[in-house]
Amino acid sequence: MIPRQIYHISLLTAFAVAALLSSACSADDNSGLSNNPADDRQPVAFSAAMADSQESETRAAPKEMNLDRLESSGFGVFACYTGLHKYGDVDVQPDFMYNQQVTWNSSTWTYSPVKYWPSGEGEVSGSMGTYPHYLSFMAYAPYSDMSTGDAGYCIPSMSPQREVGNPWIIYRLHTDPADQVDLLYAKPLLNKTKEDTTLPFEFQHALACAGSSVTVTASDAMQTYLQSLSGGGTTKMELRLTAMTITYHLTEKGRLVLWNNGSANWQSIDGESSMATRVVDYAPSNYLLYSSAGDGMNYTDDNHGVFYIPIHVGNNYQTATVELTYEIWRYTGTSTYVIYRTASPSAVLTLSDYGGYEAGKKYAISLHLGISSVKADTIIIDWVYGGDADATDSP
C-alpha cells in the first residue's frame, strides 16, 4: 500500500493568504482542491437514474423506491480525494464529501456547499509522466441524517468521516413492515477528474422483497375432495379462506459497504446476530376460493411486500411462516350453508432455499391450499438486476 500523500498544502496556503487579504468570503466550498480563479472553477455535478430493469413493473411494495421517490428523498454522497493516485492504491477516506445531501429541485440535482474539481497535474515519484488529481464517488438513497423520519431510523449510523477505508452505512429493519425503507446503492464512480463534467449515478435495490405478491389457490387434492363431498354435484360445497398471516423471521441489521463491483456489498456486523420478527396480517374476508359448482377464484394480495437484508448471520436463516384458516361450507338447500370443516394448515419457507438471499430481487409467494397442508413456492417477479449479496473483496 502506498502511503497516503497530501498534494494540496500549497493550495491551502494560497487560499489562506487570499482569505486574509479579502474582506468577503465566498459561500461556496472548494475544500482547498482547486487553484482556478473564482470565475473559472468547474463545479462537481451529479445526475441520477434507476438502473435498467430496476423500475418496478408490478405493483410497488410499501415505500418501494423508484425514480419519483428518489427525487423526493434525495441521496447521500461520499467522495474520496486520492491525489495523483487511483482509488485502492493509497489509503482512502471520504475527505471531499461526507454524507453530502443531494436534492432534486424539479430540473436538476443540487447540493450545498458547492464543491469544485481539483485542477492541474503532478508527477508521482518513481513514475514517468504526469497524472491528474482523482476523486472517487459513492452514493446511497434515500438520504439519511441518521435521526429523522423512517430513513433516519432504518439508516441510523455510518462510517466515521475520518475512518480510513471504504465508506459504509448500517441498515436496520423498521419495527413496522409498512414503514420499511427501500434502500438503494449506486455503482461507484471511481478515479474521476475534472474532464468528467456530470457524474451519472445509477441506483439499484440493495434489499430483497418477499411477499410482494401472495396468491392462494385450491390444490388439485382439495378440489377433488370438494367434488367428492358434493356427491357428484347434488350438493354444493364451498371452500372459503377466512384468515392468513405470514410471520417473517429476519436479520435485523447489516452493513452495506458502498464500494462494490456492481452487486450489493453486504456484510454481517461483528457481535450482531439479532433476528427480528415481523408479522403481516391479511384480510381475505371469507373469500370464496373454490366451489364444487365451479365458482370462486384465486386469492391475490399485492399490498404487503416486506423488504429484508439479503444475508443471514451464522445459522440464523431467514424464514417466512405462512398460516391459513379455511372453512368448507355445505349448501343445505334452503339458501343457507353450514360449516362442514374448519382447518388451519401452515408452511415454513426458508428464504435462502428459494434463492432469496439475492439483493435486487422481488419474490412472489404462491400458496397451494391442501386439505391439511400448504405447499409454498416463490418466484421472482420483478427488479432482477445485479447478483448475489455476498460480501466482496474491496480495494
Protein backbone atom coordinates (compact mmCIF):
# COMPACT_ATOMS: atom_id res chain seq x y z
CA MET A 1 0.00 0.00 0.00
CA ILE A 2 1.45 3.38 -1.00
CA PRO A 3 1.40 5.80 1.94
CA ARG A 4 -1.25 8.46 1.64
CA GLN A 5 0.18 11.68 0.27
CA ILE A 6 -1.23 15.17 0.63
CA TYR A 7 -0.98 17.23 -2.54
CA HIS A 8 -2.81 20.42 -1.70
CA ILE A 9 -0.74 22.04 1.06
CA SER A 10 0.45 24.78 -1.24
CA LEU A 11 -3.09 25.32 -2.49
CA LEU A 12 -4.42 25.55 1.04
CA THR A 13 -1.70 28.05 1.87
CA ALA A 14 -2.56 30.13 -1.16
CA PHE A 15 -6.23 30.20 -0.23
CA ALA A 16 -5.43 31.00 3.38
CA VAL A 17 -3.40 34.04 2.28
CA ALA A 18 -6.16 35.07 -0.10
CA ALA A 19 -8.70 34.79 2.67
CA LEU A 20 -6.65 37.07 4.92
CA LEU A 21 -6.37 39.69 2.19
CA SER A 22 -10.04 39.51 1.26
CA SER A 23 -12.79 41.31 3.11
CA ALA A 24 -15.51 38.99 1.81
CA CYS A 25 -15.94 35.21 1.94
CA SER A 26 -17.48 33.01 -0.71
CA ALA A 27 -20.40 30.77 0.28
CA ASP A 28 -19.01 28.02 -1.96
CA ASP A 29 -16.55 25.41 -0.71
CA ASN A 30 -13.62 24.23 -2.79
CA SER A 31 -12.04 22.17 0.00
CA GLY A 32 -8.66 23.56 -0.96
CA LEU A 33 -8.54 21.36 -4.05
CA SER A 34 -8.91 23.91 -6.84
CA ASN A 35 -6.47 26.59 -7.84
CA ASN A 36 -8.60 28.00 -10.64
CA PRO A 37 -9.73 31.62 -10.46
CA ALA A 38 -13.11 32.01 -8.79
CA ASP A 39 -14.84 32.69 -12.10
CA ASP A 40 -13.26 29.69 -13.83
CA ARG A 41 -13.76 26.85 -11.36
CA GLN A 42 -15.62 23.75 -12.51
CA PRO A 43 -18.27 22.55 -10.04
CA VAL A 44 -18.87 18.87 -9.37
CA ALA A 45 -22.33 17.98 -10.72
CA PHE A 46 -24.49 14.87 -10.45
CA SER A 47 -27.26 13.09 -12.32
CA ALA A 48 -29.24 10.10 -11.07
CA ALA A 49 -31.33 7.31 -12.56
CA MET A 50 -32.61 3.85 -11.71
CA ALA A 51 -30.61 1.05 -13.29
CA ASP A 52 -32.13 -0.87 -16.18
CA SER A 53 -34.87 -3.27 -15.00
CA GLN A 54 -34.95 -1.65 -11.56
CA GLU A 55 -38.16 0.29 -12.14
CA SER A 56 -40.93 -1.94 -10.85
CA GLU A 57 -43.34 -3.22 -13.47
CA THR A 58 -45.60 -4.81 -10.86
CA ARG A 59 -47.48 -3.17 -8.03
CA ALA A 60 -44.94 -1.49 -5.74
CA ALA A 61 -44.39 -2.62 -2.18
CA PRO A 62 -44.89 0.00 0.55
CA LYS A 63 -42.30 2.76 0.10
CA GLU A 64 -40.64 0.95 -2.80
CA MET A 65 -38.09 3.29 -4.37
CA ASN A 66 -38.48 4.39 -7.96
CA LEU A 67 -37.25 7.49 -9.78
CA ASP A 68 -40.07 9.69 -8.45
CA ARG A 69 -39.39 8.65 -4.86
CA LEU A 70 -35.65 9.02 -5.41
CA GLU A 71 -36.24 12.60 -6.49
CA SER A 72 -38.41 13.17 -3.42
CA SER A 73 -35.96 11.69 -0.91
CA GLY A 74 -32.62 12.68 -2.42
CA PHE A 75 -29.43 10.71 -1.89
CA GLY A 76 -26.21 10.83 0.12
CA VAL A 77 -22.72 11.00 -1.40
CA PHE A 78 -19.31 10.02 -0.08
CA ALA A 79 -16.30 11.25 -2.08
CA CYS A 80 -12.63 10.47 -1.59
CA TYR A 81 -9.71 12.54 -2.84
CA THR A 82 -6.70 10.36 -3.70
CA GLY A 83 -4.37 12.95 -5.19
CA LEU A 84 -2.38 11.66 -8.15
CA HIS A 85 -3.09 8.02 -7.28
CA LYS A 86 -6.10 5.91 -8.15
CA TYR A 87 -8.61 4.54 -5.67
CA GLY A 88 -7.17 1.48 -3.94
CA ASP A 89 -3.54 2.47 -4.46
CA VAL A 90 -3.50 4.68 -1.36
CA ASP A 91 -5.40 4.87 1.90
CA VAL A 92 -8.80 6.47 1.38
CA GLN A 93 -11.31 8.34 3.47
CA PRO A 94 -14.34 10.48 2.49
CA ASP A 95 -12.48 13.75 2.89
CA PHE A 96 -14.01 15.52 -0.12
CA MET A 97 -17.68 14.76 0.62
CA TYR A 98 -19.14 13.02 3.67
CA ASN A 99 -22.81 12.04 3.52
CA GLN A 100 -23.40 15.05 1.30
CA GLN A 101 -27.14 15.52 0.78
CA VAL A 102 -28.12 15.89 -2.87
CA THR A 103 -31.67 17.03 -3.67
CA TRP A 104 -33.85 17.42 -6.75
CA ASN A 105 -35.21 20.90 -7.49
CA SER A 106 -37.58 19.90 -10.35
CA SER A 107 -34.96 20.28 -13.07
CA THR A 108 -31.54 19.33 -11.69
CA TRP A 109 -29.73 17.74 -8.75
CA THR A 110 -28.26 20.28 -6.35
CA TYR A 111 -26.31 20.37 -3.10
CA SER A 112 -24.64 22.91 -0.85
CA PRO A 113 -21.94 23.99 -0.37
CA VAL A 114 -20.84 23.50 -3.97
CA LYS A 115 -17.56 21.59 -4.43
CA TYR A 116 -15.11 22.09 -7.28
CA TRP A 117 -12.84 19.79 -9.21
CA PRO A 118 -9.13 19.86 -8.37
CA SER A 119 -7.13 21.10 -11.33
CA GLY A 120 -3.63 20.66 -12.64
CA GLU A 121 -1.40 17.62 -12.86
CA GLY A 122 1.58 16.30 -10.96
CA GLU A 123 4.37 13.80 -11.01
CA VAL A 124 4.44 10.62 -8.95
CA SER A 125 7.78 9.55 -7.53
CA GLY A 126 9.16 6.60 -9.45
CA SER A 127 6.76 7.06 -12.38
CA MET A 128 7.15 8.74 -15.72
CA GLY A 129 4.81 11.46 -16.93
CA THR A 130 2.20 13.49 -15.14
CA TYR A 131 -1.13 12.49 -13.61
CA PRO A 132 -4.40 14.32 -12.88
CA HIS A 133 -5.93 14.69 -9.45
CA TYR A 134 -8.51 11.95 -8.80
CA LEU A 135 -11.83 11.91 -6.97
CA SER A 136 -13.99 8.81 -6.36
CA PHE A 137 -17.71 8.92 -5.53
CA MET A 138 -20.18 6.53 -3.88
CA ALA A 139 -23.86 7.04 -3.10
CA TYR A 140 -26.91 5.57 -1.40
CA ALA A 141 -30.60 6.51 -1.14
CA PRO A 142 -32.79 7.65 0.45
CA TYR A 143 -30.69 10.29 2.20
CA SER A 144 -30.47 9.84 5.97
CA ASP A 145 -29.36 12.28 8.65
CA MET A 146 -29.32 9.25 10.99
CA SER A 147 -32.07 10.65 13.20
CA THR A 148 -35.11 11.97 11.31
CA GLY A 149 -38.06 10.02 9.94
CA ASP A 150 -38.16 6.46 8.68
CA ALA A 151 -34.90 6.88 6.74
CA GLY A 152 -33.19 8.09 9.91
CA TYR A 153 -34.47 5.03 11.78
CA CYS A 154 -33.53 2.50 9.10
CA ILE A 155 -30.10 4.08 8.43
CA PRO A 156 -29.01 5.00 11.97
CA SER A 157 -25.22 5.13 11.52
CA MET A 158 -22.40 5.14 9.01
CA SER A 159 -18.61 5.05 8.88
CA PRO A 160 -16.90 7.96 10.71
CA GLN A 161 -15.76 10.80 8.49
CA ARG A 162 -12.07 10.29 9.28
CA GLU A 163 -12.12 6.49 9.14
CA VAL A 164 -9.68 5.11 6.60
CA GLY A 165 -11.25 2.60 4.22
CA ASN A 166 -14.36 2.15 2.13
CA PRO A 167 -17.38 4.13 3.37
CA TRP A 168 -20.30 2.09 4.74
CA ILE A 169 -23.75 2.50 6.22
CA ILE A 170 -25.69 0.45 8.78
CA TYR A 171 -29.21 -0.62 7.84
CA ARG A 172 -31.82 -1.99 10.24
CA LEU A 173 -35.37 -3.21 9.85
CA HIS A 174 -38.18 -0.90 10.79
CA THR A 175 -40.49 -2.07 13.58
CA ASP A 176 -43.44 -1.76 11.18
CA PRO A 177 -43.08 -3.53 7.80
CA ALA A 178 -45.33 -0.89 6.22
CA ASP A 179 -42.74 1.79 7.11
CA GLN A 180 -39.73 -0.19 5.97
CA VAL A 181 -37.41 1.98 3.85
CA ASP A 182 -36.30 0.59 0.49
CA LEU A 183 -32.51 1.04 0.30
CA LEU A 184 -30.68 1.88 -2.92
CA TYR A 185 -26.98 1.93 -3.73
CA ALA A 186 -25.07 3.18 -6.75
CA LYS A 187 -22.20 1.61 -8.60
CA PRO A 188 -19.10 3.63 -7.56
CA LEU A 189 -17.74 6.28 -9.87
CA LEU A 190 -14.01 5.83 -9.35
CA ASN A 191 -10.98 7.86 -10.40
CA LYS A 192 -12.87 10.77 -11.88
CA THR A 193 -11.23 14.01 -12.98
CA LYS A 194 -12.37 17.47 -13.99
CA GLU A 195 -12.90 16.09 -17.51
CA ASP A 196 -15.95 14.26 -16.13
CA THR A 197 -18.46 17.10 -16.33
CA THR A 198 -21.54 15.42 -14.78
CA LEU A 199 -21.31 12.28 -12.66
CA PRO A 200 -24.11 9.80 -13.51
CA PHE A 201 -25.18 7.71 -10.52
CA GLU A 202 -27.14 4.58 -11.43
CA PHE A 203 -29.09 3.25 -8.45
CA GLN A 204 -30.06 -0.34 -7.72
CA HIS A 205 -32.07 -2.05 -4.97
CA ALA A 206 -29.85 -3.19 -2.09
CA LEU A 207 -32.57 -5.23 -0.37
CA ALA A 208 -34.72 -8.16 -1.40
CA CYS A 209 -38.51 -8.10 -1.15
CA ALA A 210 -40.61 -11.10 -0.11
CA GLY A 211 -44.35 -11.45 -0.49
CA SER A 212 -44.74 -8.54 -2.86
CA SER A 213 -47.49 -10.67 -4.32
CA VAL A 214 -49.16 -13.54 -2.43
CA THR A 215 -51.53 -15.88 -4.23
CA VAL A 216 -53.62 -18.69 -2.71
CA THR A 217 -55.16 -21.43 -4.84
CA ALA A 218 -57.02 -24.64 -4.02
CA SER A 219 -54.73 -27.58 -4.68
CA ASP A 220 -55.81 -30.37 -7.02
CA ALA A 221 -56.28 -32.62 -3.99
CA MET A 222 -58.56 -30.05 -2.34
CA GLN A 223 -60.64 -29.65 -5.49
CA THR A 224 -61.03 -33.41 -5.80
CA TYR A 225 -62.03 -33.60 -2.14
CA LEU A 226 -64.75 -30.96 -2.57
CA GLN A 227 -66.09 -32.70 -5.63
CA SER A 228 -66.31 -35.97 -3.70
CA LEU A 229 -68.21 -34.24 -0.90
CA SER A 230 -70.69 -32.81 -3.39
CA GLY A 231 -71.93 -36.28 -4.26
CA GLY A 232 -71.48 -35.85 -7.97
CA GLY A 233 -72.87 -32.34 -7.93
CA THR A 234 -76.04 -32.97 -5.90
CA THR A 235 -74.74 -30.86 -3.00
CA LYS A 236 -72.83 -27.62 -3.44
CA MET A 237 -69.60 -27.36 -1.42
CA GLU A 238 -67.59 -24.15 -0.98
CA LEU A 239 -64.04 -23.50 0.17
CA ARG A 240 -63.65 -20.12 1.88
CA LEU A 241 -60.39 -18.51 3.01
CA THR A 242 -61.08 -16.77 6.33
CA ALA A 243 -57.64 -15.71 7.64
CA MET A 244 -53.99 -15.58 6.60
CA THR A 245 -50.83 -14.49 8.40
CA ILE A 246 -47.18 -14.52 7.33
CA THR A 247 -44.63 -14.26 10.13
CA TYR A 248 -41.15 -13.30 8.96
CA HIS A 249 -38.02 -14.10 10.98
CA LEU A 250 -35.37 -11.78 9.55
CA THR A 251 -31.84 -10.47 10.03
CA GLU A 252 -32.28 -7.24 11.96
CA LYS A 253 -29.13 -5.31 10.95
CA GLY A 254 -26.48 -5.37 8.25
CA ARG A 255 -23.60 -3.27 6.95
CA LEU A 256 -23.68 -2.12 3.33
CA VAL A 257 -20.22 -1.21 2.06
CA LEU A 258 -20.63 1.44 -0.62
CA TRP A 259 -17.66 0.24 -2.63
CA ASN A 260 -18.97 -2.59 -4.79
CA ASN A 261 -18.39 -4.36 -8.08
CA GLY A 262 -21.94 -3.84 -9.26
CA SER A 263 -23.61 -6.15 -6.71
CA ALA A 264 -24.73 -5.13 -3.23
CA ASN A 265 -21.76 -5.50 -0.87
CA TRP A 266 -23.45 -6.62 2.36
CA GLN A 267 -21.56 -7.67 5.46
CA SER A 268 -22.70 -9.01 8.80
CA ILE A 269 -21.91 -6.83 11.80
CA ASP A 270 -19.47 -8.20 14.35
CA GLY A 271 -21.32 -9.15 17.53
CA GLU A 272 -24.72 -8.56 15.92
CA SER A 273 -26.81 -11.69 15.48
CA SER A 274 -30.23 -10.33 16.40
CA MET A 275 -33.22 -11.56 14.47
CA ALA A 276 -36.44 -9.57 14.11
CA THR A 277 -39.96 -10.96 13.89
CA ARG A 278 -42.35 -9.11 11.62
CA VAL A 279 -45.98 -10.19 11.28
CA VAL A 280 -48.15 -9.36 8.28
CA ASP A 281 -51.89 -9.99 8.64
CA TYR A 282 -54.11 -10.37 5.60
CA ALA A 283 -57.86 -9.91 5.40
CA PRO A 284 -59.35 -12.39 2.93
CA SER A 285 -62.82 -11.71 4.43
CA ASN A 286 -64.38 -15.12 3.94
CA TYR A 287 -63.08 -15.24 0.39
CA LEU A 288 -64.67 -17.80 -1.94
CA LEU A 289 -61.65 -19.72 -3.16
CA TYR A 290 -63.35 -22.64 -4.87
CA SER A 291 -66.71 -24.37 -5.11
CA SER A 292 -67.89 -27.71 -6.45
CA ALA A 293 -70.14 -25.76 -8.84
CA GLY A 294 -67.12 -24.11 -10.44
CA ASP A 295 -67.45 -20.72 -8.71
CA GLY A 296 -64.64 -18.90 -6.96
CA MET A 297 -61.18 -17.74 -7.97
CA ASN A 298 -57.63 -17.42 -6.70
CA TYR A 299 -56.99 -15.04 -3.80
CA THR A 300 -54.24 -12.47 -4.50
CA ASP A 301 -52.76 -9.70 -2.37
CA ASP A 302 -50.21 -7.26 -3.84
CA ASN A 303 -50.03 -4.79 -0.96
CA HIS A 304 -47.87 -6.35 1.75
CA GLY A 305 -44.33 -6.90 0.45
CA VAL A 306 -41.62 -6.98 3.12
CA PHE A 307 -38.09 -5.69 2.45
CA TYR A 308 -35.29 -7.64 4.10
CA ILE A 309 -31.49 -7.67 4.28
CA PRO A 310 -30.29 -10.43 1.92
CA ILE A 311 -27.79 -12.08 4.28
CA HIS A 312 -28.01 -14.47 7.20
CA VAL A 313 -25.87 -14.43 10.33
CA GLY A 314 -24.39 -17.75 11.42
CA ASN A 315 -27.10 -20.40 11.43
CA ASN A 316 -29.89 -17.86 11.80
CA TYR A 317 -31.59 -18.43 8.48
CA GLN A 318 -34.37 -16.08 7.45
CA THR A 319 -37.81 -17.68 7.23
CA ALA A 320 -41.43 -16.91 6.46
CA THR A 321 -44.11 -18.93 8.26
CA VAL A 322 -47.47 -18.96 6.47
CA GLU A 323 -50.63 -19.75 8.44
CA LEU A 324 -54.02 -20.08 6.76
CA THR A 325 -57.51 -20.73 8.09
CA TYR A 326 -60.21 -22.06 5.82
CA GLU A 327 -63.76 -23.29 6.10
CA ILE A 328 -65.65 -25.74 3.93
CA TRP A 329 -69.35 -24.90 3.70
CA ARG A 330 -72.16 -27.19 2.56
CA TYR A 331 -75.32 -25.80 0.97
CA THR A 332 -78.40 -27.08 2.84
CA GLY A 333 -80.90 -26.38 0.09
CA THR A 334 -82.62 -23.57 1.98
CA SER A 335 -80.32 -20.71 0.87
CA THR A 336 -78.10 -21.27 3.88
CA TYR A 337 -74.82 -23.06 4.47
CA VAL A 338 -73.46 -24.99 7.39
CA ILE A 339 -69.77 -25.36 8.20
CA TYR A 340 -68.60 -28.83 7.31
CA ARG A 341 -64.92 -28.45 8.16
CA THR A 342 -62.51 -25.85 9.62
CA ALA A 343 -58.72 -26.17 9.47
CA SER A 344 -55.58 -24.04 9.88
CA PRO A 345 -52.66 -25.56 7.93
CA SER A 346 -49.28 -23.85 7.84
CA ALA A 347 -45.96 -23.91 6.00
CA VAL A 348 -42.47 -22.58 6.68
CA LEU A 349 -40.34 -21.13 3.89
CA THR A 350 -36.60 -20.76 4.39
CA LEU A 351 -35.94 -17.82 2.11
CA SER A 352 -32.47 -18.94 1.07
CA ASP A 353 -33.92 -22.20 -0.29
CA TYR A 354 -35.73 -20.16 -2.92
CA GLY A 355 -32.75 -18.03 -3.96
CA GLY A 356 -33.99 -15.43 -1.52
CA TYR A 357 -30.62 -14.06 -0.44
CA GLU A 358 -30.15 -12.01 -3.57
CA ALA A 359 -30.28 -8.25 -3.50
CA GLY A 360 -32.36 -6.51 -6.12
CA LYS A 361 -34.90 -9.29 -6.49
CA LYS A 362 -38.58 -9.24 -5.68
CA TYR A 363 -40.24 -12.51 -4.76
CA ALA A 364 -43.89 -13.54 -5.03
CA ILE A 365 -45.25 -16.32 -2.80
CA SER A 366 -47.61 -18.85 -4.31
CA LEU A 367 -49.60 -20.99 -1.85
CA HIS A 368 -51.46 -24.18 -2.78
CA LEU A 369 -54.04 -24.97 -0.11
CA GLY A 370 -54.49 -28.66 0.59
CA ILE A 371 -56.79 -30.49 2.97
CA SER A 372 -54.31 -30.50 5.84
CA SER A 373 -51.24 -28.79 4.46
CA VAL A 374 -49.99 -25.87 2.41
CA LYS A 375 -47.41 -26.09 -0.35
CA ALA A 376 -45.45 -22.89 -0.87
CA ASP A 377 -43.42 -21.73 -3.86
CA THR A 378 -41.66 -18.47 -4.61
CA ILE A 379 -40.96 -16.92 -7.97
CA ILE A 380 -39.02 -13.84 -8.99
CA ILE A 381 -41.45 -11.30 -10.40
CA ASP A 382 -39.52 -8.05 -10.69
CA TRP A 383 -36.33 -5.96 -10.42
CA VAL A 384 -33.87 -8.81 -11.26
CA TYR A 385 -30.62 -6.90 -11.56
CA GLY A 386 -27.12 -7.29 -10.23
CA GLY A 387 -26.45 -10.57 -8.47
CA ASP A 388 -25.95 -12.15 -5.11
CA ALA A 389 -25.43 -10.17 -1.97
CA ASP A 390 -22.32 -11.88 -0.66
CA ALA A 391 -19.61 -9.57 0.63
CA THR A 392 -16.95 -8.94 -2.00
CA ASP A 393 -13.26 -8.17 -1.70
CA SER A 394 -12.58 -4.45 -1.80
CA PRO A 395 -9.54 -2.40 -2.73
